[in-house]
Amino acid sequence: MNSRRSFLASLGALSAATVAPEQLWASSAGHAAPDAISDAPSRGLALAPDDFAFAPGLVYLQTGSLGPSPRPVIERTIASWKELELDPAHYAYGVHEHAMDAVRAKAAAFLGCDTDELVLTRNTTDGMNAVAQGLTLAAGDRVLTTDQEHPGGRVGWDYVARRFGVVIDVVPIAPTEHDTNAIVDRFAKAITPRTRVLSFSHLLSSTGLRMPVAELSALAKSRGCLSVVDGAQAVGGIAVNVKTLGCDVYATSGHKWLLAPKGTGLLYLSKAIGKTVDPIALESGRAAYSASSGVTSLPSVLGMDAAFDYMNTIGVSRVEAHNLALRSRLYAALQRVPKLRVVSAEAGPTTSPLLTFELPANVVSGAFRQRMHEAHRIQLKGVPTQWLNGIRVSTHLFNTEQDVDALVTALRKELG
């Protein structure tokens, strides 16, 4: 009995609950406990050198696909789950429910909006789908988007097109185009009297181009349209303030640049648009738990709280500067690698931590990436072939100049 009381006492309040780092890290196959790696070199801006449990020797350059959660996030998630299972209904509909709304408030502050404008979701696609479902669109209404949208940001519009006869208009953006004024101009010319929505990414997942969100949002407002932004590649990698951007809707994920648990996301719905976006999941309000949203992964949401703490401790502006410095180093080095063509923009206002380069026509992207992983322990992301035969590199706060240099060395070796 005493041992059980000690265990319960050790969990304490949710905010203080943690799992012993040596227990968590030692349980991961192939990873040493922190006391065995306490002398490890620093890893970028990571708060501790052992915060990320990568496989030995791995150079991870694919945050744009799935970000790794640092140790404090994993510890908070596991501790929350352990506490939840002590008395599931008691915690889920009490302490944890209130804690999730506190996370929602912290998320709103991170994005620069009010708490009642912020909805917790599972990912960017979940948020974008809720928007498409929640709009009242009829046959002949039009949605204006680009040909560079991630499938997860596009599928909701495909759904309403199939279901209700909505027309999707597309603005082309070539992979090598970096002229945002020209992009805004093409949007302006493509808007029709029946256009209801302008839907576009903050950062293009194909090339990392930083889109002119403020200008496109202002354009949408001037023409009576809703501005919907897919922010999957932005939040956590660069500073984002939705009020400064001026958009009506902004959807993003927790599992990429925020380094939060997988299956978490955020959806901003501006107070100004009222109930224009009215999906079933918000019928009972925007709280973390309601009759219309149902039970979510409570441990994941509470783990996201630690992700915000982690990012805020380092500082998002500092993270962005670090990411862009690594990106600039890589851009310069790739210019000297034969047979490669960098399609992303050179350093400037349109750049982001994502950088894409094109492979020679006779090199198959999938096989090349597999070779890079097996022979050089470098994890990369391919670009969908409908855009180009390319590789996307996404460096984040845990990456270093040595990681960038290792990639360049491996590319030179493989391509000659």
Protein backbone atom coordinates (compact mmCIF):
# COMPACT_ATOMS: atom_id res chain seq x y z
CA MET A 1 0.00 0.00 0.00
CA ASN A 2 2.80 2.39 0.89
CA SER A 3 4.52 1.78 -2.44
CA ARG A 4 1.28 2.59 -4.29
CA ARG A 5 0.86 5.79 -2.29
CA SER A 6 4.44 6.73 -3.13
CA PHE A 7 3.80 6.13 -6.82
CA LEU A 8 0.65 8.27 -6.79
CA ALA A 9 2.42 11.01 -4.89
CA SER A 10 5.29 10.96 -7.33
CA LEU A 11 2.95 11.82 -10.17
CA GLY A 12 1.80 14.94 -8.33
CA ALA A 13 0.18 17.75 -10.26
CA LEU A 14 0.04 17.33 -14.03
CA SER A 15 2.37 20.22 -14.72
CA ALA A 16 5.07 18.60 -12.57
CA ALA A 17 4.63 15.02 -13.74
CA THR A 18 7.61 13.54 -15.52
CA VAL A 19 9.15 10.19 -16.35
CA ALA A 20 12.72 9.67 -15.24
CA PRO A 21 14.89 10.52 -18.25
CA GLU A 22 17.13 7.50 -17.77
CA GLN A 23 14.10 5.19 -17.78
CA LEU A 24 12.66 6.74 -20.94
CA TRP A 25 15.86 7.02 -22.95
CA ALA A 26 17.36 3.70 -21.84
CA SER A 27 14.17 1.96 -23.00
CA SER A 28 14.72 3.14 -26.58
CA ALA A 29 16.61 0.50 -28.52
CA GLY A 30 19.98 1.74 -29.63
CA HIS A 31 20.07 4.77 -27.34
CA ALA A 32 22.13 5.26 -24.22
CA ALA A 33 20.83 6.75 -21.01
CA PRO A 34 21.67 10.46 -20.47
CA ASP A 35 24.43 9.73 -17.95
CA ALA A 36 26.20 7.79 -20.69
CA ILE A 37 26.07 10.70 -23.13
CA SER A 38 26.34 13.66 -20.78
CA ASP A 39 29.53 14.69 -22.53
CA ALA A 40 27.88 14.65 -25.98
CA PRO A 41 28.43 17.78 -28.07
CA SER A 42 25.65 20.33 -28.27
CA ARG A 43 23.02 19.76 -30.92
CA GLY A 44 22.17 23.14 -32.44
CA LEU A 45 19.79 25.08 -30.22
CA ALA A 46 18.59 22.01 -28.30
CA LEU A 47 18.29 22.77 -24.59
CA ALA A 48 20.33 19.64 -23.80
CA PRO A 49 22.56 17.54 -26.07
CA ASP A 50 20.53 14.40 -25.34
CA ASP A 51 17.11 15.92 -25.97
CA PHE A 52 16.62 14.08 -29.26
CA ALA A 53 16.67 10.28 -29.38
CA PHE A 54 17.90 9.84 -32.95
CA ALA A 55 19.38 6.52 -34.01
CA PRO A 56 23.20 6.59 -33.71
CA GLY A 57 24.85 8.49 -36.53
CA LEU A 58 21.60 9.66 -38.14
CA VAL A 59 21.55 13.10 -39.77
CA TYR A 60 17.87 14.03 -39.76
CA LEU A 61 16.96 16.61 -42.41
CA GLN A 62 13.26 15.93 -42.78
CA THR A 63 11.42 17.98 -40.17
CA GLY A 64 9.14 19.23 -42.95
CA SER A 65 7.65 15.73 -43.07
CA LEU A 66 7.70 14.74 -39.41
CA GLY A 67 9.47 16.50 -36.61
CA PRO A 68 11.14 14.65 -33.73
CA SER A 69 9.80 15.40 -30.26
CA PRO A 70 12.44 16.38 -27.68
CA ARG A 71 12.73 14.56 -24.41
CA PRO A 72 10.67 17.01 -22.29
CA VAL A 73 7.76 16.61 -24.72
CA ILE A 74 7.92 12.82 -24.62
CA GLU A 75 8.23 12.84 -20.84
CA ARG A 76 5.19 15.11 -20.43
CA THR A 77 3.16 12.95 -22.82
CA ILE A 78 4.03 9.68 -21.10
CA ALA A 79 3.52 11.14 -17.62
CA SER A 80 0.09 12.44 -18.66
CA TRP A 81 -0.85 9.04 -20.03
CA LYS A 82 0.27 7.30 -16.83
CA GLU A 83 -1.74 9.69 -14.74
CA LEU A 84 -4.80 9.34 -16.97
CA GLU A 85 -4.84 5.55 -16.58
CA LEU A 86 -4.93 5.78 -12.78
CA ASP A 87 -8.56 6.94 -12.97
CA PRO A 88 -9.51 7.59 -16.61
CA ALA A 89 -12.89 9.28 -16.24
CA HIS A 90 -11.77 11.34 -13.27
CA TYR A 91 -8.77 12.79 -15.05
CA ALA A 92 -10.17 12.95 -18.59
CA TYR A 93 -13.26 14.91 -17.59
CA GLY A 94 -11.57 16.91 -14.87
CA VAL A 95 -7.93 17.87 -14.50
CA HIS A 96 -6.92 16.88 -18.02
CA GLU A 97 -9.89 18.55 -19.68
CA HIS A 98 -9.03 21.84 -17.97
CA ALA A 99 -5.35 21.34 -18.79
CA MET A 100 -6.17 20.89 -22.48
CA ASP A 101 -7.93 24.23 -22.56
CA ALA A 102 -4.86 25.77 -20.94
CA VAL A 103 -2.85 24.30 -23.82
CA ARG A 104 -5.33 25.86 -26.23
CA ALA A 105 -4.76 29.25 -24.59
CA LYS A 106 -0.99 28.79 -24.85
CA ALA A 107 -1.34 27.83 -28.52
CA ALA A 108 -3.40 30.94 -29.20
CA ALA A 109 -0.75 33.13 -27.61
CA PHE A 110 1.89 31.39 -29.73
CA LEU A 111 -0.03 32.28 -32.90
CA GLY A 112 -0.98 35.77 -31.71
CA CYS A 113 -4.74 35.30 -31.50
CA ASP A 114 -7.45 35.05 -28.85
CA THR A 115 -8.17 31.70 -27.21
CA ASP A 116 -11.72 31.60 -28.57
CA GLU A 117 -10.29 31.87 -32.08
CA LEU A 118 -8.20 28.72 -31.68
CA VAL A 119 -9.33 25.12 -32.18
CA LEU A 120 -7.27 22.02 -31.38
CA THR A 121 -7.15 19.52 -34.25
CA ARG A 122 -5.24 16.36 -35.18
CA ASN A 123 -3.15 17.90 -37.97
CA THR A 124 -3.23 20.47 -40.78
CA THR A 125 -5.34 18.28 -43.04
CA ASP A 126 -7.91 17.85 -40.28
CA GLY A 127 -8.17 21.62 -39.95
CA MET A 128 -8.35 22.24 -43.69
CA ASN A 129 -11.03 19.57 -44.06
CA ALA A 130 -13.08 21.13 -41.27
CA VAL A 131 -12.97 24.45 -43.11
CA ALA A 132 -14.08 22.91 -46.41
CA GLN A 133 -16.87 21.02 -44.67
CA GLY A 134 -17.93 24.01 -42.60
CA LEU A 135 -18.37 26.46 -45.46
CA THR A 136 -21.73 26.80 -47.23
CA LEU A 137 -20.68 26.42 -50.84
CA ALA A 138 -23.02 25.78 -53.77
CA ALA A 139 -22.68 24.61 -57.35
CA GLY A 140 -20.86 27.25 -59.36
CA ASP A 141 -19.06 28.79 -56.39
CA ARG A 142 -15.32 28.87 -56.96
CA VAL A 143 -12.21 28.20 -54.86
CA LEU A 144 -8.92 29.72 -56.05
CA THR A 145 -5.74 27.89 -55.07
CA THR A 146 -2.29 27.03 -56.51
CA ASP A 147 -0.79 24.05 -58.29
CA GLN A 148 1.80 23.72 -55.49
CA GLU A 149 -0.53 22.81 -52.63
CA HIS A 150 0.12 19.75 -50.50
CA PRO A 151 -2.52 17.04 -51.13
CA GLY A 152 -3.65 17.39 -47.52
CA GLY A 153 -4.49 21.05 -48.11
CA ARG A 154 -6.22 20.36 -51.40
CA VAL A 155 -8.35 17.28 -50.67
CA GLY A 156 -11.09 19.22 -48.86
CA TRP A 157 -11.65 21.39 -51.92
CA ASP A 158 -11.71 18.31 -54.14
CA TYR A 159 -14.40 16.94 -51.85
CA VAL A 160 -16.69 19.97 -52.12
CA ALA A 161 -16.08 20.08 -55.86
CA ARG A 162 -17.23 16.47 -56.22
CA ARG A 163 -20.05 16.73 -53.71
CA PHE A 164 -21.52 20.14 -54.47
CA GLY A 165 -20.27 21.17 -57.89
CA VAL A 166 -17.82 23.80 -56.63
CA VAL A 167 -15.27 24.87 -59.25
CA ILE A 168 -11.56 24.87 -58.38
CA ASP A 169 -9.40 27.42 -60.17
CA VAL A 170 -5.64 27.06 -60.08
CA VAL A 171 -2.85 29.65 -60.15
CA PRO A 172 0.38 28.09 -61.48
CA ILE A 173 3.64 28.64 -59.63
CA ALA A 174 6.76 27.24 -61.29
CA PRO A 175 9.27 25.62 -58.90
CA THR A 176 11.88 28.23 -59.84
CA GLU A 177 9.52 31.22 -59.48
CA HIS A 178 10.31 33.54 -56.59
CA ASP A 179 8.45 36.69 -57.70
CA THR A 180 5.70 37.04 -55.12
CA ASN A 181 4.35 40.22 -56.72
CA ALA A 182 3.70 38.26 -59.91
CA ILE A 183 1.93 35.57 -57.87
CA VAL A 184 -0.35 38.12 -56.23
CA ASP A 185 -1.08 39.62 -59.65
CA ARG A 186 -2.08 36.23 -61.05
CA PHE A 187 -4.38 35.65 -58.08
CA ALA A 188 -5.99 39.03 -58.62
CA LYS A 189 -6.62 38.32 -62.30
CA ALA A 190 -8.06 34.86 -61.56
CA ILE A 191 -10.70 36.00 -59.05
CA THR A 192 -14.23 35.90 -60.48
CA PRO A 193 -17.57 37.17 -59.14
CA ARG A 194 -18.24 33.60 -57.91
CA THR A 195 -14.90 33.14 -56.14
CA ARG A 196 -15.57 32.50 -52.46
CA VAL A 197 -12.20 31.29 -51.15
CA LEU A 198 -8.50 31.94 -51.73
CA SER A 199 -6.62 28.91 -50.40
CA PHE A 200 -2.81 28.85 -50.36
CA SER A 201 0.18 27.74 -48.31
CA HIS A 202 2.27 29.95 -46.05
CA LEU A 203 5.40 28.10 -47.15
CA LEU A 204 5.18 25.94 -50.25
CA SER A 205 5.95 22.35 -49.29
CA SER A 206 7.52 21.82 -52.70
CA THR A 207 10.22 24.53 -52.63
CA GLY A 208 9.89 26.39 -49.33
CA LEU A 209 8.84 29.62 -51.05
CA ARG A 210 7.47 32.02 -48.45
CA MET A 211 4.19 33.10 -49.94
CA PRO A 212 2.89 36.69 -49.68
CA VAL A 213 0.21 35.78 -47.14
CA ALA A 214 -0.53 39.33 -45.96
CA GLU A 215 -0.92 40.60 -49.54
CA LEU A 216 -3.11 37.67 -50.62
CA SER A 217 -5.23 37.97 -47.47
CA ALA A 218 -5.75 41.68 -48.13
CA LEU A 219 -6.64 40.88 -51.73
CA ALA A 220 -9.18 38.30 -50.61
CA LYS A 221 -10.78 40.74 -48.21
CA SER A 222 -10.98 43.47 -50.87
CA ARG A 223 -12.81 41.09 -53.20
CA GLY A 224 -15.17 39.62 -50.63
CA CYS A 225 -13.38 36.26 -50.39
CA LEU A 226 -12.22 34.16 -47.47
CA SER A 227 -8.44 33.68 -47.07
CA VAL A 228 -7.52 30.16 -45.95
CA VAL A 229 -3.86 29.42 -45.21
CA ASP A 230 -2.17 26.02 -45.00
CA GLY A 231 0.55 26.72 -42.44
CA ALA A 232 1.87 23.18 -42.03
CA GLN A 233 5.45 24.15 -42.91
CA ALA A 234 5.61 27.39 -40.96
CA VAL A 235 4.63 27.31 -37.29
CA GLY A 236 7.64 26.42 -35.15
CA GLY A 237 10.15 26.91 -37.96
CA ILE A 238 9.53 30.63 -38.42
CA ALA A 239 7.73 33.26 -36.36
CA VAL A 240 3.99 33.35 -37.17
CA ASN A 241 1.44 35.92 -36.06
CA VAL A 242 -1.94 35.34 -37.68
CA LYS A 243 -3.16 38.85 -36.90
CA THR A 244 -0.18 40.39 -38.66
CA LEU A 245 -0.77 38.09 -41.62
CA GLY A 246 -4.39 39.22 -41.73
CA CYS A 247 -5.79 35.87 -42.87
CA ASP A 248 -9.25 34.59 -41.98
CA VAL A 249 -8.22 30.98 -41.40
CA TYR A 250 -4.89 29.36 -40.60
CA ALA A 251 -4.35 25.61 -40.19
CA THR A 252 -1.15 23.96 -38.99
CA SER A 253 0.25 20.78 -37.43
CA GLY A 254 1.98 20.14 -34.13
CA HIS A 255 3.98 17.19 -35.42
CA LYS A 256 6.29 19.07 -37.78
CA TRP A 257 8.20 22.22 -36.79
CA LEU A 258 6.55 22.55 -33.37
CA LEU A 259 8.09 19.17 -32.40
CA ALA A 260 4.87 18.23 -30.59
CA PRO A 261 3.40 14.71 -30.34
CA LYS A 262 2.16 13.18 -33.57
CA GLY A 263 -1.52 13.69 -34.22
CA THR A 264 -1.79 17.26 -32.93
CA GLY A 265 -2.75 20.40 -34.81
CA LEU A 266 -4.14 23.93 -34.57
CA LEU A 267 -6.83 25.81 -36.45
CA TYR A 268 -7.25 29.58 -36.25
CA LEU A 269 -10.67 30.96 -37.15
CA SER A 270 -10.77 34.75 -37.02
CA LYS A 271 -13.45 36.23 -34.85
CA ALA A 272 -14.29 38.55 -37.74
CA ILE A 273 -15.69 35.73 -39.89
CA GLY A 274 -18.20 34.66 -37.23
CA LYS A 275 -19.89 31.36 -38.14
CA THR A 276 -18.84 31.47 -41.80
CA VAL A 277 -16.87 28.29 -41.11
CA ASP A 278 -19.28 26.04 -39.22
CA PRO A 279 -18.24 22.34 -39.24
CA ILE A 280 -19.97 19.64 -37.22
CA ALA A 281 -17.02 19.37 -34.84
CA LEU A 282 -17.63 22.93 -33.61
CA GLU A 283 -21.38 22.63 -33.14
CA SER A 284 -20.89 22.55 -29.36
CA GLY A 285 -18.19 25.22 -29.26
CA ARG A 286 -14.42 25.45 -29.62
CA ALA A 287 -13.31 24.00 -26.29
CA ALA A 288 -10.76 21.20 -26.31
CA TYR A 289 -13.52 18.76 -25.35
CA SER A 290 -17.18 19.13 -26.25
CA ALA A 291 -20.14 17.01 -27.28
CA SER A 292 -19.36 17.63 -30.95
CA SER A 293 -15.58 17.17 -30.81
CA GLY A 294 -15.56 14.09 -28.56
CA VAL A 295 -12.56 12.62 -26.80
CA THR A 296 -9.18 13.28 -28.35
CA SER A 297 -5.71 11.96 -27.50
CA LEU A 298 -5.39 13.70 -24.16
CA PRO A 299 -1.73 12.74 -23.56
CA SER A 300 -0.78 14.10 -26.99
CA VAL A 301 -2.47 17.44 -26.37
CA LEU A 302 -0.86 17.75 -22.94
CA GLY A 303 2.48 16.81 -24.45
CA MET A 304 2.03 19.68 -26.90
CA ASP A 305 2.05 22.00 -23.91
CA ALA A 306 5.68 21.00 -23.31
CA ALA A 307 6.44 21.63 -26.99
CA PHE A 308 5.30 25.23 -26.64
CA ASP A 309 7.40 25.56 -23.50
CA TYR A 310 10.41 24.17 -25.33
CA MET A 311 10.02 26.53 -28.28
CA ASN A 312 9.32 29.54 -26.06
CA THR A 313 12.37 28.84 -23.91
CA ILE A 314 14.63 28.97 -26.97
CA GLY A 315 12.67 31.74 -28.67
CA VAL A 316 11.00 31.39 -32.07
CA SER A 317 12.91 34.31 -33.58
CA ARG A 318 16.16 32.66 -32.54
CA VAL A 319 15.00 29.36 -34.03
CA GLU A 320 14.12 31.06 -37.30
CA ALA A 321 17.51 32.80 -37.49
CA HIS A 322 19.27 29.48 -36.82
CA ASN A 323 17.22 27.68 -39.46
CA LEU A 324 17.82 30.34 -42.09
CA ALA A 325 21.56 30.44 -41.36
CA LEU A 326 21.82 26.68 -41.94
CA ARG A 327 19.73 27.02 -45.06
CA SER A 328 22.00 29.77 -46.42
CA ARG A 329 25.07 27.65 -45.74
CA LEU A 330 23.51 24.74 -47.61
CA TYR A 331 22.39 26.94 -50.51
CA ALA A 332 25.91 28.28 -51.01
CA ALA A 333 27.49 24.83 -50.80
CA LEU A 334 25.04 23.25 -53.24
CA GLN A 335 25.96 25.79 -55.89
CA ARG A 336 29.31 24.02 -56.09
CA VAL A 337 27.95 20.47 -56.35
CA PRO A 338 28.01 19.27 -59.97
CA LYS A 339 24.83 17.98 -61.59
CA LEU A 340 22.51 19.62 -59.06
CA ARG A 341 20.23 22.60 -59.62
CA VAL A 342 18.88 24.49 -56.61
CA VAL A 343 15.32 25.61 -57.39
CA SER A 344 14.59 27.40 -54.12
CA ALA A 345 15.25 31.11 -53.83
CA GLU A 346 18.53 32.57 -52.65
CA ALA A 347 18.56 34.19 -49.21
CA GLY A 348 15.94 36.92 -48.90
CA PRO A 349 12.36 37.67 -47.84
CA THR A 350 10.90 34.72 -49.78
CA THR A 351 13.10 32.04 -48.22
CA SER A 352 12.34 29.58 -45.43
CA PRO A 353 14.07 26.65 -43.70
CA LEU A 354 12.97 24.42 -46.60
CA LEU A 355 15.34 24.12 -49.55
CA THR A 356 14.81 22.04 -52.69
CA PHE A 357 17.26 20.96 -55.35
CA GLU A 358 16.70 19.08 -58.59
CA LEU A 359 18.48 15.81 -59.33
CA PRO A 360 19.88 14.85 -62.73
CA ALA A 361 17.21 13.36 -65.01
CA ASN A 362 18.83 9.90 -64.89
CA VAL A 363 18.77 9.72 -61.08
CA VAL A 364 15.64 8.23 -59.49
CA SER A 365 14.71 10.22 -56.40
CA GLY A 366 13.41 7.30 -54.31
CA ALA A 367 16.43 5.08 -54.93
CA PHE A 368 18.77 8.02 -54.37
CA ARG A 369 17.22 8.86 -51.01
CA GLN A 370 17.42 5.21 -49.96
CA ARG A 371 21.09 5.18 -50.88
CA MET A 372 21.70 8.37 -48.89
CA HIS A 373 20.03 6.80 -45.87
CA GLU A 374 21.74 3.42 -46.06
CA ALA A 375 25.23 4.55 -47.06
CA HIS A 376 25.45 7.94 -45.32
CA ARG A 377 22.78 7.81 -42.56
CA ILE A 378 21.10 10.96 -43.93
CA GLN A 379 17.31 11.18 -43.87
CA LEU A 380 15.88 13.26 -46.74
CA LYS A 381 12.51 13.89 -48.38
CA GLY A 382 11.68 13.56 -52.06
CA VAL A 383 9.53 16.09 -53.90
CA PRO A 384 6.42 14.68 -55.64
CA THR A 385 7.33 13.96 -59.24
CA GLN A 386 4.48 16.06 -60.63
CA TRP A 387 6.50 19.05 -59.45
CA LEU A 388 10.07 17.97 -60.19
CA ASN A 389 12.66 15.21 -59.74
CA GLY A 390 13.99 16.72 -56.58
CA ILE A 391 15.01 16.47 -52.95
CA ARG A 392 13.74 18.69 -50.15
CA VAL A 393 15.95 19.48 -47.18
CA SER A 394 14.46 20.88 -43.97
CA THR A 395 16.86 21.87 -41.18
CA HIS A 396 15.61 22.74 -37.72
CA LEU A 397 16.84 23.81 -34.30
CA PHE A 398 18.60 20.50 -33.54
CA ASN A 399 20.60 20.55 -36.78
CA THR A 400 24.15 21.88 -37.02
CA GLU A 401 26.61 23.11 -39.62
CA GLN A 402 28.19 19.66 -39.42
CA ASP A 403 24.88 18.13 -40.55
CA VAL A 404 24.76 20.42 -43.57
CA ASP A 405 28.39 19.72 -44.43
CA ALA A 406 27.81 15.96 -44.12
CA LEU A 407 24.98 16.20 -46.65
CA VAL A 408 27.10 18.14 -49.13
CA THR A 409 29.98 15.68 -48.77
CA ALA A 410 27.66 12.74 -49.38
CA LEU A 411 26.10 14.40 -52.41
CA ARG A 412 29.52 15.01 -53.94
CA LYS A 413 30.45 11.39 -53.37
CA GLU A 414 27.25 10.02 -54.88
CA LEU A 415 26.98 12.35 -57.88
CA GLY A 416 30.69 12.69 -58.70
